[in-house]
């Protein structure tokens, strides 16, 4: 099954874009791969955090005191 991708535009100052290009090159990635991976890692962190908060709220030790 093929996935459909879409493109978007992100604007960076030249100095930030230069840092992105340099780091991507050091990592052996294209700048696009670097930015895509950075966004996916950020999303994973957000979902992990939300899941942890949900688990804490639903834990028996939290519900006893309320």
Protein backbone atom coordinates (compact mmCIF):
# COMPACT_ATOMS: atom_id res chain seq x y z
CA UNK A 1 0.00 0.00 0.00
CA UNK A 2 1.50 3.31 -1.07
CA UNK A 3 1.20 6.33 1.17
CA UNK A 4 0.41 9.75 -0.15
CA UNK A 5 2.64 12.58 0.97
CA UNK A 6 2.02 16.29 0.81
CA UNK A 7 4.46 19.13 1.03
CA UNK A 8 4.49 22.27 3.12
CA UNK A 9 6.69 25.32 3.41
CA UNK A 10 8.62 26.26 6.52
CA UNK A 11 10.45 29.55 6.66
CA UNK A 12 13.69 29.88 8.64
CA UNK A 13 16.19 32.66 9.07
CA UNK A 14 19.34 32.02 7.05
CA UNK A 15 21.41 31.26 10.15
CA UNK A 16 18.94 28.63 11.38
CA UNK A 17 18.65 27.08 7.93
CA UNK A 18 22.44 26.91 7.73
CA UNK A 19 22.54 25.05 11.05
CA UNK A 20 19.89 22.63 9.80
CA UNK A 21 21.87 21.94 6.63
CA UNK A 22 25.12 21.45 8.56
CA UNK A 23 23.59 19.09 11.10
CA UNK A 24 21.72 17.11 8.46
CA UNK A 25 24.95 16.72 6.53
CA UNK A 26 26.78 15.53 9.65
CA UNK A 27 24.00 13.02 10.29
CA UNK A 28 24.12 11.77 6.69
CA UNK A 29 20.62 13.00 5.97
CA UNK A 30 19.04 15.44 3.61
CA UNK A 31 17.70 18.61 5.19
CA UNK A 32 14.18 17.34 4.46
CA UNK A 33 14.85 14.06 6.29
CA UNK A 34 16.35 15.97 9.22
CA UNK A 35 13.36 18.28 9.56
CA UNK A 36 10.83 15.48 9.05
CA UNK A 37 12.53 13.37 11.73
CA UNK A 38 12.65 16.34 14.11
CA UNK A 39 8.90 16.90 13.73
CA UNK A 40 8.12 13.19 14.13
CA UNK A 41 10.29 13.01 17.28
CA UNK A 42 8.52 16.05 18.72
CA UNK A 43 5.11 14.51 18.03
CA UNK A 44 6.19 11.23 19.65
CA UNK A 45 7.35 13.17 22.73
CA UNK A 46 4.02 14.98 22.95
CA UNK A 47 2.01 11.74 22.64
CA UNK A 48 4.24 10.02 25.22
CA UNK A 49 3.74 12.91 27.63
CA UNK A 50 -0.03 12.93 27.12
CA UNK A 51 -0.15 9.17 27.66
CA UNK A 52 1.91 9.47 30.86
CA UNK A 53 -0.37 12.21 32.23
CA UNK A 54 -3.43 10.09 31.42
CA UNK A 55 -1.91 7.05 33.15
CA UNK A 56 -1.05 9.09 36.24
CA UNK A 57 -4.55 10.53 36.43
CA UNK A 58 -6.09 7.09 36.06
CA UNK A 59 -3.76 5.35 38.54
CA UNK A 60 -5.43 4.05 41.71
CA UNK A 61 -3.10 6.05 43.98
CA UNK A 62 -4.23 9.33 42.39
CA UNK A 63 -7.94 8.59 42.53
CA UNK A 64 -7.95 7.66 46.28
CA UNK A 65 -7.13 11.18 47.41
CA UNK A 66 -9.88 12.77 45.35
